[in-house]
Amino acid sequence: MAHQPDWSIQTRVRQDIKYSDAEAYARKMQDIAKTSTWHERQQKFEVARDNIRAEDRSNFELQLANRELKERRRCRLRELLQSEAFQYEQELAKKGLAIYRDKL
């Protein structure tokens, strides 16, 4: 029975080492989980920021396209009005009439 106290101490030491290793592993896993959570949040917010940037970019492109469309419509309307005015003057000229323009 002389070996009994020594065996109990060695068993307890092995058990303490096992628990210590388990606690270290649990802390390591918690740290990894925290890091993973942080990266997931960053990625989620990055996707949201990218979506906002893409929406802003598309809105800007739409504004440019609308501005260009308005300019083209104005240009076509000006050309139409000028051609109608020229046609009207031609019709008046055929009848021997003209438009009086006061040039100051």
C-alpha atoms as a PDB file:
ATOM      1  CA  MET A   1       0.000   0.000   0.000  1.00  0.00           C
ATOM      2  CA  ALA A   2       3.034   2.265  -0.034  1.00  0.00           C
ATOM      3  CA  HIS A   3       2.401   3.081  -3.669  1.00  0.00           C
ATOM      4  CA  GLN A   4      -1.192   4.182  -3.126  1.00  0.00           C
ATOM      5  CA  PRO A   5      -0.539   7.847  -2.093  1.00  0.00           C
ATOM      6  CA  ASP A   6       1.935   8.333  -4.938  1.00  0.00           C
ATOM      7  CA  TRP A   7      -0.514   6.833  -7.434  1.00  0.00           C
ATOM      8  CA  SER A   8      -3.304   9.165  -6.253  1.00  0.00           C
ATOM      9  CA  ILE A   9      -1.073  12.208  -6.643  1.00  0.00           C
ATOM     10  CA  GLN A  10       0.034  11.164 -10.122  1.00  0.00           C
ATOM     11  CA  THR A  11      -3.572  10.495 -11.133  1.00  0.00           C
ATOM     12  CA  ARG A  12      -4.586  13.896  -9.784  1.00  0.00           C
ATOM     13  CA  VAL A  13      -1.698  15.592 -11.628  1.00  0.00           C
ATOM     14  CA  ARG A  14      -2.658  13.845 -14.899  1.00  0.00           C
ATOM     15  CA  GLN A  15      -6.263  14.876 -14.354  1.00  0.00           C
ATOM     16  CA  ASP A  16      -5.245  18.497 -13.618  1.00  0.00           C
ATOM     17  CA  ILE A  17      -3.096  18.555 -16.761  1.00  0.00           C
ATOM     18  CA  LYS A  18      -6.011  17.170 -18.783  1.00  0.00           C
ATOM     19  CA  TYR A  19      -8.354  19.853 -17.369  1.00  0.00           C
ATOM     20  CA  SER A  20      -5.757  22.549 -17.972  1.00  0.00           C
ATOM     21  CA  ASP A  21      -5.363  21.422 -21.578  1.00  0.00           C
ATOM     22  CA  ALA A  22      -9.147  21.369 -21.989  1.00  0.00           C
ATOM     23  CA  GLU A  23      -9.440  24.905 -20.587  1.00  0.00           C
ATOM     24  CA  ALA A  24      -6.662  26.144 -22.890  1.00  0.00           C
ATOM     25  CA  TYR A  25      -8.398  24.515 -25.849  1.00  0.00           C
ATOM     26  CA  ALA A  26     -11.738  26.063 -24.834  1.00  0.00           C
ATOM     27  CA  ARG A  27     -10.118  29.533 -24.569  1.00  0.00           C
ATOM     28  CA  LYS A  28      -8.476  29.036 -27.962  1.00  0.00           C
ATOM     29  CA  MET A  29     -11.833  28.063 -29.492  1.00  0.00           C
ATOM     30  CA  GLN A  30     -13.514  31.103 -27.892  1.00  0.00           C
ATOM     31  CA  ASP A  31     -10.828  33.374 -29.321  1.00  0.00           C
ATOM     32  CA  ILE A  32     -11.283  31.800 -32.740  1.00  0.00           C
ATOM     33  CA  ALA A  33     -15.068  32.226 -32.459  1.00  0.00           C
ATOM     34  CA  LYS A  34     -14.671  35.896 -31.513  1.00  0.00           C
ATOM     35  CA  THR A  35     -12.297  36.471 -34.421  1.00  0.00           C
ATOM     36  CA  SER A  36     -14.641  34.668 -36.820  1.00  0.00           C
ATOM     37  CA  THR A  37     -17.610  36.699 -35.596  1.00  0.00           C
ATOM     38  CA  TRP A  38     -15.660  39.918 -36.087  1.00  0.00           C
ATOM     39  CA  HIS A  39     -14.667  38.918 -39.633  1.00  0.00           C
ATOM     40  CA  GLU A  40     -18.241  37.911 -40.480  1.00  0.00           C
ATOM     41  CA  ARG A  41     -19.529  41.296 -39.275  1.00  0.00           C
ATOM     42  CA  GLN A  42     -16.852  43.101 -41.241  1.00  0.00           C
ATOM     43  CA  GLN A  43     -17.763  41.155 -44.355  1.00  0.00           C
ATOM     44  CA  LYS A  44     -21.469  41.842 -43.855  1.00  0.00           C
ATOM     45  CA  PHE A  45     -20.867  45.568 -43.470  1.00  0.00           C
ATOM     46  CA  GLU A  46     -18.467  45.561 -46.407  1.00  0.00           C
ATOM     47  CA  VAL A  47     -21.157  43.997 -48.605  1.00  0.00           C
ATOM     48  CA  ALA A  48     -23.619  46.635 -47.386  1.00  0.00           C
ATOM     49  CA  ARG A  49     -21.113  49.415 -48.136  1.00  0.00           C
ATOM     50  CA  ASP A  50     -20.453  47.961 -51.592  1.00  0.00           C
ATOM     51  CA  ASN A  51     -24.196  47.847 -52.264  1.00  0.00           C
ATOM     52  CA  ILE A  52     -24.553  51.491 -51.212  1.00  0.00           C
ATOM     53  CA  ARG A  53     -21.630  52.500 -53.445  1.00  0.00           C
ATOM     54  CA  ALA A  54     -23.089  50.573 -56.374  1.00  0.00           C
ATOM     55  CA  GLU A  55     -26.485  52.208 -55.839  1.00  0.00           C
ATOM     56  CA  ASP A  56     -24.881  55.667 -55.666  1.00  0.00           C
ATOM     57  CA  ARG A  57     -22.914  54.931 -58.825  1.00  0.00           C
ATOM     58  CA  SER A  58     -26.020  53.755 -60.689  1.00  0.00           C
ATOM     59  CA  ASN A  59     -27.979  56.822 -59.499  1.00  0.00           C
ATOM     60  CA  PHE A  60     -25.188  59.068 -60.757  1.00  0.00           C
ATOM     61  CA  GLU A  61     -25.168  57.276 -64.112  1.00  0.00           C
ATOM     62  CA  LEU A  62     -28.950  57.652 -64.332  1.00  0.00           C
ATOM     63  CA  GLN A  63     -28.651  61.379 -63.652  1.00  0.00           C
ATOM     64  CA  LEU A  64     -26.058  61.705 -66.406  1.00  0.00           C
ATOM     65  CA  ALA A  65     -28.203  59.689 -68.803  1.00  0.00           C
ATOM     66  CA  ASN A  66     -31.256  61.840 -68.009  1.00  0.00           C
ATOM     67  CA  ARG A  67     -29.253  65.019 -68.547  1.00  0.00           C
ATOM     68  CA  GLU A  68     -27.971  63.755 -71.893  1.00  0.00           C
ATOM     69  CA  LEU A  69     -31.480  62.688 -72.922  1.00  0.00           C
ATOM     70  CA  LYS A  70     -32.846  66.153 -72.098  1.00  0.00           C
ATOM     71  CA  GLU A  71     -30.095  67.793 -74.143  1.00  0.00           C
ATOM     72  CA  ARG A  72     -30.799  65.533 -77.110  1.00  0.00           C
ATOM     73  CA  ARG A  73     -34.541  66.216 -76.881  1.00  0.00           C
ATOM     74  CA  ARG A  74     -33.931  69.985 -76.711  1.00  0.00           C
ATOM     75  CA  CYS A  75     -31.640  69.767 -79.723  1.00  0.00           C
ATOM     76  CA  ARG A  76     -34.185  67.753 -81.732  1.00  0.00           C
ATOM     77  CA  LEU A  77     -37.005  70.114 -80.689  1.00  0.00           C
ATOM     78  CA  ARG A  78     -34.902  73.150 -81.698  1.00  0.00           C
ATOM     79  CA  GLU A  79     -34.179  71.534 -85.075  1.00  0.00           C
ATOM     80  CA  LEU A  80     -37.867  70.700 -85.535  1.00  0.00           C
ATOM     81  CA  LEU A  81     -38.958  74.234 -84.684  1.00  0.00           C
ATOM     82  CA  GLN A  82     -36.320  75.716 -86.972  1.00  0.00           C
ATOM     83  CA  SER A  83     -37.351  73.462 -89.847  1.00  0.00           C
ATOM     84  CA  GLU A  84     -41.037  74.304 -89.276  1.00  0.00           C
ATOM     85  CA  ALA A  85     -40.212  78.013 -89.189  1.00  0.00           C
ATOM     86  CA  PHE A  86     -38.206  77.681 -92.408  1.00  0.00           C
ATOM     87  CA  GLN A  87     -41.052  75.703 -94.016  1.00  0.00           C
ATOM     88  CA  TYR A  88     -43.572  78.366 -92.883  1.00  0.00           C
ATOM     89  CA  GLU A  89     -41.403  81.120 -94.390  1.00  0.00           C
ATOM     90  CA  GLN A  90     -41.169  79.118 -97.629  1.00  0.00           C
ATOM     91  CA  GLU A  91     -44.958  78.810 -97.772  1.00  0.00           C
ATOM     92  CA  LEU A  92     -45.353  82.539 -97.146  1.00  0.00           C
ATOM     93  CA  ALA A  93     -42.729  83.289 -99.826  1.00  0.00           C
ATOM     94  CA  LYS A  94     -44.720  81.211-102.350  1.00  0.00           C
ATOM     95  CA  LYS A  95     -47.714  83.434-101.632  1.00  0.00           C
ATOM     96  CA  GLY A  96     -45.577  86.547-101.920  1.00  0.00           C
ATOM     97  CA  LEU A  97     -45.611  87.288 -98.212  1.00  0.00           C
ATOM     98  CA  ALA A  98     -42.832  87.562 -95.631  1.00  0.00           C
ATOM     99  CA  ILE A  99     -42.363  87.857 -91.895  1.00  0.00           C
ATOM    100  CA  TYR A 100     -41.337  91.288 -90.660  1.00  0.00           C
ATOM    101  CA  ARG A 101     -38.354  91.130 -88.340  1.00  0.00           C
ATOM    102  CA  ASP A 102     -37.394  94.206 -86.393  1.00  0.00           C
ATOM    103  CA  LYS A 103     -33.611  94.192 -86.092  1.00  0.00           C
ATOM    104  CA  LEU A 104     -32.430  96.689 -83.550  1.00  0.00           C
END
